[in-house]
Amino acid sequence: MARNSKLHADKKIVEKKKSTRLFQEVLLWTLIPLLFTTMVLLIIAYVADVNVFDKAKEWSKSLPFTDQKQADDENEDDLIIEERVVELQAEIQEKEAQLFKLQENLAKSEDEKKVLLDEQTSLLAQIEALKMEKEDYKRDMKEIISTFEKMSAKSAAPVITKMSDAEAIEILTKLKPEVLAPILEKMSPEDAAKYTSLMTK
């Protein structure tokens, strides 16, 4: 009986070795030639300048189960592109709004500039008119002083006292001393003192 069990165990070992050997033979006769053939084909494709991986992608696209995935990828790409288009359109609108605001500001500043130029022109005209008035006044004043210098002291004194203090002082300060003294003598002592005091200030 021990012999039978030993035979049985030996038989199992032999069967196990046979199955292992069969597997090794299958591996040796199918897998190794297949790998060798694949390697040779890849070398030929490389020498022929054929990109095997691109070709594999093209063939995989033609398979029926990859069509749906490809369509999904295209839809996803389309959605991404549409989102980007919407973002760019929003950005364009924002830039247009900024441009419009800048144009408004520019127009406003141009209007302000025009108003300021008009004001400047008006002020320059007023300055010119004032200069002319001043020149006319100086000319008139010279004529008035010349008239007072020609008048007698007796006639000039009452005229000066009837003028405003500012006008009287302006005339008296521009008269020559030899003309001024007789005019002051012909005034009342109060008027003479008043004008003398105002002229010294």
N, C-alpha and C. Protein backbone atom coordinates (compact mmCIF):
# COMPACT_ATOMS: atom_id res chain seq x y z
N MET A 1 0.82 -1.19 0.00
CA MET A 1 0.00 0.00 0.00
C MET A 1 0.87 1.26 0.00
N ALA A 2 1.93 1.18 0.75
CA ALA A 2 2.87 2.30 0.77
C ALA A 2 3.49 2.44 -0.60
N ARG A 3 3.65 1.31 -1.24
CA ARG A 3 4.22 1.35 -2.57
C ARG A 3 3.25 2.00 -3.55
N ASN A 4 1.99 1.71 -3.41
CA ASN A 4 0.96 2.31 -4.28
C ASN A 4 0.91 3.83 -4.11
N SER A 5 0.95 4.23 -2.86
CA SER A 5 0.89 5.70 -2.62
C SER A 5 2.15 6.37 -3.17
N LYS A 6 3.27 5.66 -3.11
CA LYS A 6 4.50 6.23 -3.66
C LYS A 6 4.40 6.31 -5.17
N LEU A 7 3.84 5.30 -5.78
CA LEU A 7 3.65 5.30 -7.23
C LEU A 7 2.68 6.43 -7.63
N HIS A 8 1.66 6.52 -6.81
CA HIS A 8 0.67 7.59 -7.08
C HIS A 8 1.33 8.97 -7.01
N ALA A 9 2.18 9.16 -6.02
CA ALA A 9 2.88 10.44 -5.85
C ALA A 9 3.86 10.66 -6.99
N ASP A 10 4.53 9.61 -7.40
CA ASP A 10 5.47 9.74 -8.53
C ASP A 10 4.72 10.08 -9.82
N LYS A 11 3.56 9.45 -9.95
CA LYS A 11 2.74 9.70 -11.13
C LYS A 11 2.32 11.18 -11.19
N LYS A 12 1.95 11.70 -10.02
CA LYS A 12 1.54 13.11 -9.96
C LYS A 12 2.71 14.03 -10.32
N ILE A 13 3.86 13.70 -9.83
CA ILE A 13 5.05 14.53 -10.11
C ILE A 13 5.35 14.50 -11.59
N VAL A 14 5.24 13.31 -12.20
CA VAL A 14 5.51 13.17 -13.64
C VAL A 14 4.49 13.99 -14.43
N GLU A 15 3.21 13.92 -14.03
CA GLU A 15 2.15 14.68 -14.73
C GLU A 15 2.40 16.19 -14.60
N LYS A 16 2.83 16.57 -13.40
CA LYS A 16 3.09 17.99 -13.16
C LYS A 16 4.25 18.44 -14.05
N LYS A 17 5.30 17.64 -14.15
CA LYS A 17 6.44 17.98 -14.99
C LYS A 17 6.03 18.05 -16.44
N LYS A 18 5.13 17.14 -16.84
CA LYS A 18 4.66 17.12 -18.23
C LYS A 18 3.88 18.40 -18.54
N SER A 19 3.01 18.80 -17.61
CA SER A 19 2.22 20.02 -17.85
C SER A 19 3.13 21.26 -17.88
N THR A 20 4.15 21.27 -17.02
CA THR A 20 5.10 22.38 -17.02
C THR A 20 5.89 22.38 -18.31
N ARG A 21 6.30 21.20 -18.75
CA ARG A 21 7.04 21.09 -19.99
C ARG A 21 6.20 21.51 -21.19
N LEU A 22 4.91 21.16 -21.17
CA LEU A 22 3.99 21.53 -22.25
C LEU A 22 3.85 23.07 -22.32
N PHE A 23 3.73 23.65 -21.16
CA PHE A 23 3.63 25.11 -21.10
C PHE A 23 4.90 25.76 -21.65
N GLN A 24 6.04 25.20 -21.26
CA GLN A 24 7.31 25.73 -21.74
C GLN A 24 7.44 25.57 -23.25
N GLU A 25 6.99 24.46 -23.76
CA GLU A 25 7.07 24.23 -25.21
C GLU A 25 6.16 25.19 -25.97
N VAL A 26 4.96 25.39 -25.42
CA VAL A 26 4.03 26.35 -26.08
C VAL A 26 4.67 27.74 -26.07
N LEU A 27 5.21 28.08 -24.94
CA LEU A 27 5.87 29.38 -24.80
C LEU A 27 7.04 29.48 -25.78
N LEU A 28 7.82 28.43 -25.87
CA LEU A 28 9.00 28.42 -26.71
C LEU A 28 8.62 28.47 -28.19
N TRP A 29 7.59 27.75 -28.59
CA TRP A 29 7.26 27.63 -30.01
C TRP A 29 6.28 28.72 -30.50
N THR A 30 5.59 29.41 -29.61
CA THR A 30 4.65 30.44 -30.08
C THR A 30 5.08 31.86 -29.67
N LEU A 31 5.35 32.00 -28.42
CA LEU A 31 5.60 33.36 -27.93
C LEU A 31 6.93 33.91 -28.44
N ILE A 32 7.97 33.15 -28.39
CA ILE A 32 9.28 33.64 -28.81
C ILE A 32 9.29 33.97 -30.31
N PRO A 33 8.76 33.11 -31.18
CA PRO A 33 8.71 33.50 -32.61
C PRO A 33 7.83 34.74 -32.84
N LEU A 34 6.75 34.81 -32.07
CA LEU A 34 5.86 35.97 -32.20
C LEU A 34 6.60 37.26 -31.83
N LEU A 35 7.34 37.22 -30.73
CA LEU A 35 8.13 38.38 -30.31
C LEU A 35 9.21 38.71 -31.35
N PHE A 36 9.87 37.68 -31.86
CA PHE A 36 10.91 37.87 -32.87
C PHE A 36 10.31 38.51 -34.14
N THR A 37 9.15 38.00 -34.56
CA THR A 37 8.48 38.53 -35.76
C THR A 37 8.09 39.99 -35.55
N THR A 38 7.56 40.28 -34.36
CA THR A 38 7.16 41.67 -34.05
C THR A 38 8.37 42.59 -34.10
N MET A 39 9.47 42.15 -33.53
CA MET A 39 10.68 42.94 -33.53
C MET A 39 11.17 43.19 -34.96
N VAL A 40 11.15 42.17 -35.79
CA VAL A 40 11.59 42.32 -37.18
C VAL A 40 10.67 43.30 -37.92
N LEU A 41 9.35 43.17 -37.69
CA LEU A 41 8.39 44.08 -38.35
C LEU A 41 8.61 45.53 -37.91
N LEU A 42 8.88 45.73 -36.63
CA LEU A 42 9.14 47.09 -36.13
C LEU A 42 10.40 47.68 -36.75
N ILE A 43 11.43 46.82 -36.90
CA ILE A 43 12.68 47.29 -37.53
C ILE A 43 12.41 47.65 -38.99
N ILE A 44 11.63 46.83 -39.69
CA ILE A 44 11.30 47.11 -41.10
C ILE A 44 10.51 48.42 -41.20
N ALA A 45 9.54 48.58 -40.30
CA ALA A 45 8.73 49.81 -40.31
C ALA A 45 9.59 51.04 -40.03
N TYR A 46 10.55 50.91 -39.14
CA TYR A 46 11.45 52.02 -38.82
C TYR A 46 12.29 52.39 -40.03
N VAL A 47 12.84 51.34 -40.71
CA VAL A 47 13.66 51.56 -41.89
C VAL A 47 12.81 52.17 -43.01
N ALA A 48 11.55 51.76 -43.12
CA ALA A 48 10.65 52.26 -44.17
C ALA A 48 10.05 53.62 -43.77
N ASP A 49 10.43 54.15 -42.60
CA ASP A 49 9.94 55.44 -42.09
C ASP A 49 8.42 55.45 -41.96
N VAL A 50 7.90 54.40 -41.34
CA VAL A 50 6.47 54.30 -41.07
C VAL A 50 6.28 54.37 -39.56
N ASN A 51 5.43 55.28 -39.12
CA ASN A 51 5.16 55.40 -37.70
C ASN A 51 4.06 54.39 -37.34
N VAL A 52 4.46 53.33 -36.69
CA VAL A 52 3.56 52.24 -36.36
C VAL A 52 2.48 52.69 -35.38
N PHE A 53 2.86 53.56 -34.46
CA PHE A 53 1.90 53.98 -33.43
C PHE A 53 0.78 54.85 -34.01
N ASP A 54 1.15 55.71 -35.01
CA ASP A 54 0.12 56.51 -35.68
C ASP A 54 -0.83 55.60 -36.47
N LYS A 55 -0.24 54.62 -37.13
CA LYS A 55 -1.07 53.67 -37.90
C LYS A 55 -2.00 52.91 -36.96
N ALA A 56 -1.49 52.54 -35.80
CA ALA A 56 -2.31 51.80 -34.83
C ALA A 56 -3.47 52.67 -34.37
N LYS A 57 -3.21 53.99 -34.17
CA LYS A 57 -4.29 54.90 -33.77
C LYS A 57 -5.36 54.97 -34.86
N GLU A 58 -4.90 55.07 -36.12
CA GLU A 58 -5.85 55.13 -37.23
C GLU A 58 -6.71 53.86 -37.29
N TRP A 59 -6.07 52.70 -37.11
CA TRP A 59 -6.82 51.43 -37.16
C TRP A 59 -7.78 51.32 -35.98
N SER A 60 -7.33 51.84 -34.83
CA SER A 60 -8.20 51.75 -33.65
C SER A 60 -9.43 52.64 -33.80
N LYS A 61 -9.30 53.71 -34.56
CA LYS A 61 -10.45 54.58 -34.79
C LYS A 61 -11.52 53.89 -35.63
N SER A 62 -11.07 53.00 -36.47
CA SER A 62 -12.04 52.30 -37.33
C SER A 62 -12.79 51.19 -36.59
N LEU A 63 -12.33 50.85 -35.40
CA LEU A 63 -13.03 49.82 -34.62
C LEU A 63 -14.37 50.37 -34.13
N PRO A 64 -15.42 49.55 -34.07
CA PRO A 64 -16.76 50.06 -33.76
C PRO A 64 -16.90 50.63 -32.34
N PHE A 65 -16.25 50.05 -31.36
CA PHE A 65 -16.45 50.53 -29.98
C PHE A 65 -15.70 51.83 -29.70
N THR A 66 -14.76 52.22 -30.59
CA THR A 66 -14.03 53.47 -30.37
C THR A 66 -14.74 54.67 -30.99
N ASP A 67 -15.72 54.44 -31.87
CA ASP A 67 -16.44 55.54 -32.51
C ASP A 67 -17.15 56.42 -31.48
N GLN A 68 -17.80 55.79 -30.52
CA GLN A 68 -18.55 56.54 -29.52
C GLN A 68 -17.60 57.40 -28.68
N LYS A 69 -16.47 56.79 -28.30
CA LYS A 69 -15.50 57.54 -27.49
C LYS A 69 -14.95 58.73 -28.28
N GLN A 70 -14.68 58.50 -29.57
CA GLN A 70 -14.18 59.58 -30.42
C GLN A 70 -15.22 60.69 -30.54
N ALA A 71 -16.49 60.30 -30.71
CA ALA A 71 -17.57 61.29 -30.81
C ALA A 71 -17.68 62.08 -29.50
N ASP A 72 -17.55 61.36 -28.38
CA ASP A 72 -17.60 62.03 -27.08
C ASP A 72 -16.45 63.02 -26.94
N ASP A 73 -15.26 62.60 -27.38
CA ASP A 73 -14.09 63.48 -27.33
C ASP A 73 -14.31 64.73 -28.18
N GLU A 74 -14.88 64.52 -29.38
CA GLU A 74 -15.15 65.65 -30.28
C GLU A 74 -16.17 66.60 -29.65
N ASN A 75 -17.22 66.02 -29.03
CA ASN A 75 -18.24 66.85 -28.37
C ASN A 75 -17.62 67.66 -27.23
N GLU A 76 -16.74 66.99 -26.48
CA GLU A 76 -16.08 67.67 -25.37
C GLU A 76 -15.18 68.80 -25.90
N ASP A 77 -14.46 68.53 -27.00
CA ASP A 77 -13.63 69.56 -27.62
C ASP A 77 -14.49 70.73 -28.10
N ASP A 78 -15.64 70.39 -28.72
CA ASP A 78 -16.55 71.45 -29.19
C ASP A 78 -17.04 72.30 -28.03
N LEU A 79 -17.37 71.66 -26.91
CA LEU A 79 -17.83 72.41 -25.73
C LEU A 79 -16.74 73.33 -25.20
N ILE A 80 -15.53 72.82 -25.16
CA ILE A 80 -14.40 73.63 -24.69
C ILE A 80 -14.20 74.84 -25.62
N ILE A 81 -14.27 74.58 -26.93
CA ILE A 81 -14.11 75.67 -27.90
C ILE A 81 -15.23 76.69 -27.75
N GLU A 82 -16.47 76.22 -27.59
CA GLU A 82 -17.61 77.13 -27.41
C GLU A 82 -17.44 77.98 -26.15
N GLU A 83 -17.01 77.34 -25.06
CA GLU A 83 -16.78 78.09 -23.82
C GLU A 83 -15.71 79.16 -24.02
N ARG A 84 -14.66 78.79 -24.74
CA ARG A 84 -13.57 79.75 -25.00
C ARG A 84 -14.08 80.91 -25.87
N VAL A 85 -14.93 80.57 -26.86
CA VAL A 85 -15.49 81.61 -27.72
C VAL A 85 -16.34 82.58 -26.89
N VAL A 86 -17.16 82.02 -25.98
CA VAL A 86 -18.00 82.86 -25.12
C VAL A 86 -17.13 83.75 -24.24
N GLU A 87 -16.06 83.19 -23.67
CA GLU A 87 -15.14 83.97 -22.84
C GLU A 87 -14.51 85.11 -23.64
N LEU A 88 -14.08 84.78 -24.88
CA LEU A 88 -13.44 85.80 -25.72
C LEU A 88 -14.44 86.88 -26.12
N GLN A 89 -15.69 86.48 -26.40
CA GLN A 89 -16.71 87.48 -26.75
C GLN A 89 -16.98 88.41 -25.56
N ALA A 90 -17.03 87.83 -24.35
CA ALA A 90 -17.23 88.65 -23.15
C ALA A 90 -16.05 89.61 -22.98
N GLU A 91 -14.86 89.12 -23.24
CA GLU A 91 -13.66 89.97 -23.12
C GLU A 91 -13.70 91.10 -24.15
N ILE A 92 -14.15 90.76 -25.37
CA ILE A 92 -14.27 91.78 -26.42
C ILE A 92 -15.27 92.85 -26.01
N GLN A 93 -16.42 92.42 -25.47
CA GLN A 93 -17.43 93.38 -25.03
C GLN A 93 -16.87 94.29 -23.93
N GLU A 94 -16.13 93.69 -23.01
CA GLU A 94 -15.53 94.48 -21.92
C GLU A 94 -14.55 95.51 -22.48
N LYS A 95 -13.71 95.08 -23.43
CA LYS A 95 -12.74 95.99 -24.04
C LYS A 95 -13.46 97.09 -24.82
N GLU A 96 -14.56 96.74 -25.51
CA GLU A 96 -15.33 97.74 -26.25
C GLU A 96 -15.92 98.77 -25.29
N ALA A 97 -16.41 98.30 -24.13
CA ALA A 97 -16.97 99.21 -23.12
C ALA A 97 -15.88 100.15 -22.62
N GLN A 98 -14.69 99.60 -22.36
CA GLN A 98 -13.57 100.44 -21.90
C GLN A 98 -13.19 101.46 -22.98
N LEU A 99 -13.17 101.00 -24.23
CA LEU A 99 -12.84 101.90 -25.34
C LEU A 99 -13.87 103.01 -25.45
N PHE A 100 -15.16 102.65 -25.33
CA PHE A 100 -16.24 103.64 -25.40
C PHE A 100 -16.09 104.67 -24.29
N LYS A 101 -15.77 104.19 -23.08
CA LYS A 101 -15.58 105.10 -21.94
C LYS A 101 -14.41 106.04 -22.19
N LEU A 102 -13.32 105.50 -22.72
CA LEU A 102 -12.15 106.32 -23.02
C LEU A 102 -12.48 107.37 -24.09
N GLN A 103 -13.27 106.96 -25.10
CA GLN A 103 -13.66 107.91 -26.14
C GLN A 103 -14.53 109.01 -25.56
N GLU A 104 -15.45 108.63 -24.64
CA GLU A 104 -16.29 109.64 -23.97
C GLU A 104 -15.42 110.61 -23.19
N ASN A 105 -14.47 110.06 -22.42
CA ASN A 105 -13.57 110.92 -21.63
C ASN A 105 -12.76 111.84 -22.53
N LEU A 106 -12.31 111.30 -23.67
CA LEU A 106 -11.53 112.10 -24.61
C LEU A 106 -12.39 113.23 -25.17
N ALA A 107 -13.64 112.89 -25.56
CA ALA A 107 -14.53 113.92 -26.09
C ALA A 107 -14.81 114.98 -25.03
N LYS A 108 -15.02 114.53 -23.80
CA LYS A 108 -15.28 115.47 -22.70
C LYS A 108 -14.08 116.39 -22.49
N SER A 109 -12.88 115.79 -22.48
CA SER A 109 -11.68 116.61 -22.26
C SER A 109 -11.46 117.57 -23.43
N GLU A 110 -11.82 117.14 -24.65
CA GLU A 110 -11.70 118.04 -25.80
C GLU A 110 -12.67 119.21 -25.67
N ASP A 111 -13.91 118.91 -25.19
CA ASP A 111 -14.89 119.98 -24.96
C ASP A 111 -14.38 120.95 -23.89
N GLU A 112 -13.83 120.39 -22.80
CA GLU A 112 -13.28 121.23 -21.73
C GLU A 112 -12.13 122.08 -22.27
N LYS A 113 -11.30 121.47 -23.11
CA LYS A 113 -10.17 122.20 -23.69
C LYS A 113 -10.68 123.36 -24.55
N LYS A 114 -11.74 123.08 -25.33
CA LYS A 114 -12.31 124.12 -26.19
C LYS A 114 -12.86 125.27 -25.34
N VAL A 115 -13.57 124.91 -24.24
CA VAL A 115 -14.12 125.94 -23.34
C VAL A 115 -12.99 126.77 -22.75
N LEU A 116 -11.92 126.10 -22.31
CA LEU A 116 -10.78 126.81 -21.73
C LEU A 116 -10.10 127.72 -22.76
N LEU A 117 -10.00 127.23 -24.01
CA LEU A 117 -9.40 128.07 -25.06
C LEU A 117 -10.27 129.29 -25.33
N ASP A 118 -11.60 129.10 -25.33
CA ASP A 118 -12.52 130.23 -25.53
C ASP A 118 -12.37 131.24 -24.40
N GLU A 119 -12.28 130.72 -23.16
CA GLU A 119 -12.10 131.60 -22.00
C GLU A 119 -10.78 132.36 -22.11
N GLN A 120 -9.73 131.64 -22.52
CA GLN A 120 -8.43 132.27 -22.67
C GLN A 120 -8.49 133.39 -23.71
N THR A 121 -9.15 133.10 -24.85
CA THR A 121 -9.28 134.11 -25.90
C THR A 121 -10.04 135.33 -25.38
N SER A 122 -11.12 135.07 -24.62
CA SER A 122 -11.91 136.16 -24.04
C SER A 122 -11.08 136.99 -23.07
N LEU A 123 -10.32 136.29 -22.21
CA LEU A 123 -9.48 137.02 -21.24
C LEU A 123 -8.40 137.84 -21.93
N LEU A 124 -7.80 137.26 -22.99
CA LEU A 124 -6.78 138.00 -23.74
C LEU A 124 -7.38 139.26 -24.38
N ALA A 125 -8.61 139.11 -24.88
CA ALA A 125 -9.29 140.27 -25.48
C ALA A 125 -9.56 141.32 -24.41
N GLN A 126 -9.98 140.87 -23.21
CA GLN A 126 -10.23 141.83 -22.12
C GLN A 126 -8.94 142.54 -21.70
N ILE A 127 -7.84 141.76 -21.64
CA ILE A 127 -6.55 142.36 -21.29
C ILE A 127 -6.16 143.41 -22.31
N GLU A 128 -6.37 143.06 -23.58
CA GLU A 128 -6.03 144.01 -24.65
C GLU A 128 -6.88 145.28 -24.54
N ALA A 129 -8.17 145.08 -24.24
CA ALA A 129 -9.06 146.25 -24.08
C ALA A 129 -8.63 147.10 -22.89
N LEU A 130 -8.26 146.43 -21.80
CA LEU A 130 -7.80 147.18 -20.62
C LEU A 130 -6.51 147.95 -20.90
N LYS A 131 -5.60 147.33 -21.66
CA LYS A 131 -4.37 148.02 -22.02
C LYS A 131 -4.69 149.27 -22.84
N MET A 132 -5.63 149.12 -23.77
CA MET A 132 -6.00 150.27 -24.60
C MET A 132 -6.64 151.36 -23.74
N GLU A 133 -7.52 150.91 -22.81
CA GLU A 133 -8.15 151.88 -21.90
C GLU A 133 -7.09 152.60 -21.07
N LYS A 134 -6.11 151.83 -20.60
CA LYS A 134 -5.05 152.41 -19.78
C LYS A 134 -4.26 153.44 -20.59
N GLU A 135 -3.95 153.07 -21.85
CA GLU A 135 -3.22 154.00 -22.71
C GLU A 135 -4.05 155.26 -22.97
N ASP A 136 -5.36 155.03 -23.23
CA ASP A 136 -6.25 156.18 -23.44
C ASP A 136 -6.30 157.05 -22.19
N TYR A 137 -6.37 156.40 -21.03
CA TYR A 137 -6.44 157.12 -19.76
C TYR A 137 -5.15 157.93 -19.53
N LYS A 138 -4.01 157.29 -19.85
CA LYS A 138 -2.73 158.00 -19.70
C LYS A 138 -2.68 159.22 -20.62
N ARG A 139 -3.14 158.99 -21.85
CA ARG A 139 -3.14 160.09 -22.82
C ARG A 139 -4.07 161.23 -22.34
N ASP A 140 -5.26 160.80 -21.86
CA ASP A 140 -6.21 161.80 -21.35
C ASP A 140 -5.63 162.54 -20.14
N MET A 141 -4.99 161.75 -19.26
CA MET A 141 -4.40 162.34 -18.05
C MET A 141 -3.31 163.35 -18.42
N LYS A 142 -2.50 163.01 -19.43
CA LYS A 142 -1.45 163.95 -19.87
C LYS A 142 -2.08 165.24 -20.38
N GLU A 143 -3.17 165.09 -21.11
CA GLU A 143 -3.85 166.28 -21.64
C GLU A 143 -4.44 167.11 -20.50
N ILE A 144 -5.04 166.41 -19.50
CA ILE A 144 -5.63 167.12 -18.35
C ILE A 144 -4.54 167.87 -17.58
N ILE A 145 -3.41 167.20 -17.35
CA ILE A 145 -2.29 167.82 -16.60
C ILE A 145 -1.76 169.01 -17.39
N SER A 146 -1.65 168.80 -18.71
CA SER A 146 -1.16 169.90 -19.55
C SER A 146 -2.12 171.09 -19.47
N THR A 147 -3.43 170.79 -19.42
CA THR A 147 -4.43 171.86 -19.31
C THR A 147 -4.29 172.59 -17.98
N PHE A 148 -4.13 171.81 -16.90
CA PHE A 148 -3.99 172.43 -15.57
C PHE A 148 -2.72 173.27 -15.48
N GLU A 149 -1.66 172.84 -16.16
CA GLU A 149 -0.41 173.61 -16.14
C GLU A 149 -0.58 174.94 -16.88
N LYS A 150 -1.49 174.95 -17.86
CA LYS A 150 -1.73 176.18 -18.63
C LYS A 150 -2.71 177.11 -17.92
N MET A 151 -3.53 176.53 -17.03
CA MET A 151 -4.53 177.35 -16.32
C MET A 151 -3.86 178.20 -15.25
N SER A 152 -4.56 179.24 -14.88
CA SER A 152 -4.06 180.05 -13.76
C SER A 152 -4.37 179.31 -12.47
N ALA A 153 -3.60 179.59 -11.42
CA ALA A 153 -3.77 178.92 -10.13
C ALA A 153 -5.14 179.24 -9.56
N LYS A 154 -5.62 180.46 -9.79
CA LYS A 154 -6.91 180.90 -9.27
C LYS A 154 -8.05 180.08 -9.89
N SER A 155 -7.94 179.70 -11.18
CA SER A 155 -8.97 178.92 -11.88
C SER A 155 -8.84 177.42 -11.56
N ALA A 156 -7.61 176.91 -11.41
CA ALA A 156 -7.37 175.47 -11.21
C ALA A 156 -7.76 175.00 -9.82
N ALA A 157 -7.53 175.84 -8.80
CA ALA A 157 -7.78 175.43 -7.40
C ALA A 157 -9.23 175.01 -7.17
N PRO A 158 -10.26 175.81 -7.57
CA PRO A 158 -11.64 175.39 -7.31
C PRO A 158 -12.05 174.13 -8.08
N VAL A 159 -11.47 173.93 -9.27
CA VAL A 159 -11.80 172.73 -10.07
C VAL A 159 -11.29 171.47 -9.34
N ILE A 160 -10.10 171.53 -8.85
CA ILE A 160 -9.49 170.37 -8.17
C ILE A 160 -10.26 170.04 -6.91
N THR A 161 -10.69 171.01 -6.17
CA THR A 161 -11.40 170.73 -4.92
C THR A 161 -12.76 170.09 -5.17
N LYS A 162 -13.31 170.25 -6.38
CA LYS A 162 -14.61 169.63 -6.70
C LYS A 162 -14.47 168.18 -7.18
N MET A 163 -13.25 167.75 -7.48
CA MET A 163 -12.98 166.37 -7.94
C MET A 163 -12.96 165.41 -6.75
N SER A 164 -13.00 164.11 -7.08
CA SER A 164 -12.82 163.11 -6.00
C SER A 164 -11.38 163.17 -5.52
N ASP A 165 -11.16 162.72 -4.30
CA ASP A 165 -9.81 162.78 -3.72
C ASP A 165 -8.81 162.02 -4.58
N ALA A 166 -9.21 160.86 -5.08
CA ALA A 166 -8.29 160.04 -5.89
C ALA A 166 -7.89 160.77 -7.15
N GLU A 167 -8.88 161.37 -7.86
CA GLU A 167 -8.57 162.09 -9.10
C GLU A 167 -7.70 163.32 -8.80
N ALA A 168 -8.07 164.03 -7.73
CA ALA A 168 -7.32 165.25 -7.38
C ALA A 168 -5.88 164.92 -7.05
N ILE A 169 -5.65 163.87 -6.27
CA ILE A 169 -4.28 163.48 -5.89
C ILE A 169 -3.50 163.05 -7.12
N GLU A 170 -4.14 162.31 -8.00
CA GLU A 170 -3.44 161.85 -9.21
C GLU A 170 -2.97 163.05 -10.03
N ILE A 171 -3.80 164.07 -10.16
CA ILE A 171 -3.43 165.27 -10.94
C ILE A 171 -2.35 166.06 -10.19
N LEU A 172 -2.56 166.29 -8.90
CA LEU A 172 -1.61 167.10 -8.12
C LEU A 172 -0.22 166.48 -8.07
N THR A 173 -0.13 165.14 -7.98
CA THR A 173 1.19 164.49 -7.91
C THR A 173 1.93 164.57 -9.23
N LYS A 174 1.23 164.80 -10.34
CA LYS A 174 1.89 164.83 -11.64
C LYS A 174 2.18 166.26 -12.11
N LEU A 175 1.71 167.22 -11.36
CA LEU A 175 2.00 168.62 -11.72
C LEU A 175 3.43 168.99 -11.31
N LYS A 176 4.03 169.90 -12.08
CA LYS A 176 5.37 170.38 -11.74
C LYS A 176 5.29 171.20 -10.45
N PRO A 177 6.34 171.17 -9.63
CA PRO A 177 6.32 171.90 -8.34
C PRO A 177 6.01 173.39 -8.50
N GLU A 178 6.52 174.01 -9.58
CA GLU A 178 6.27 175.45 -9.76
C GLU A 178 4.82 175.75 -10.12
N VAL A 179 4.09 174.73 -10.60
CA VAL A 179 2.66 174.90 -10.90
C VAL A 179 1.84 174.51 -9.68
N LEU A 180 2.29 173.51 -8.95
CA LEU A 180 1.54 172.96 -7.81
C LEU A 180 1.44 173.99 -6.66
N ALA A 181 2.55 174.63 -6.35
CA ALA A 181 2.59 175.55 -5.19
C ALA A 181 1.55 176.68 -5.31
N PRO A 182 1.45 177.38 -6.43
CA PRO A 182 0.45 178.45 -6.52
C PRO A 182 -0.99 177.93 -6.41
N ILE A 183 -1.25 176.68 -6.94
CA ILE A 183 -2.61 176.12 -6.87
C ILE A 183 -2.97 175.87 -5.41
N LEU A 184 -2.04 175.27 -4.65
CA LEU A 184 -2.31 175.00 -3.23
C LEU A 184 -2.51 176.30 -2.45
N GLU A 185 -1.79 177.38 -2.85
CA GLU A 185 -1.94 178.68 -2.18
C GLU A 185 -3.34 179.26 -2.38
N LYS A 186 -3.94 178.97 -3.52
CA LYS A 186 -5.25 179.52 -3.82
C LYS A 186 -6.38 178.71 -3.17
N MET A 187 -6.06 177.55 -2.60
CA MET A 187 -7.07 176.73 -1.91
C MET A 187 -7.25 177.22 -0.49
N SER A 188 -8.34 176.80 0.09
CA SER A 188 -8.53 177.10 1.51
C SER A 188 -7.47 176.33 2.30
N PRO A 189 -7.11 176.85 3.51
CA PRO A 189 -6.06 176.16 4.28
C PRO A 189 -6.43 174.70 4.59
N GLU A 190 -7.71 174.40 4.81
CA GLU A 190 -8.13 173.02 5.11
C GLU A 190 -7.92 172.10 3.90
N ASP A 191 -8.33 172.59 2.71
CA ASP A 191 -8.16 171.78 1.49
C ASP A 191 -6.68 171.59 1.17
N ALA A 192 -5.91 172.63 1.31
CA ALA A 192 -4.47 172.53 1.03
C ALA A 192 -3.81 171.53 1.96
N ALA A 193 -4.20 171.58 3.25
CA ALA A 193 -3.63 170.64 4.23
C ALA A 193 -4.05 169.21 3.89
N LYS A 194 -5.32 169.03 3.51
CA LYS A 194 -5.83 167.69 3.18
C LYS A 194 -5.06 167.10 2.01
N TYR A 195 -4.91 167.88 0.92
CA TYR A 195 -4.24 167.36 -0.28
C TYR A 195 -2.75 167.14 -0.04
N THR A 196 -2.15 168.00 0.72
CA THR A 196 -0.72 167.84 1.03
C THR A 196 -0.52 166.56 1.84
N SER A 197 -1.42 166.31 2.79
CA SER A 197 -1.34 165.10 3.62
C SER A 197 -1.55 163.85 2.75
N LEU A 198 -2.53 163.90 1.85
CA LEU A 198 -2.79 162.73 0.97
C LEU A 198 -1.63 162.48 0.02
N MET A 199 -0.96 163.54 -0.46
CA MET A 199 0.14 163.35 -1.38
C MET A 199 1.37 162.74 -0.72
N THR A 200 1.51 162.93 0.57
CA THR A 200 2.68 162.39 1.28
C THR A 200 2.49 160.93 1.64
N LYS A 201 1.31 160.40 1.53
CA LYS A 201 1.05 158.99 1.90
C LYS A 201 1.49 158.07 0.78
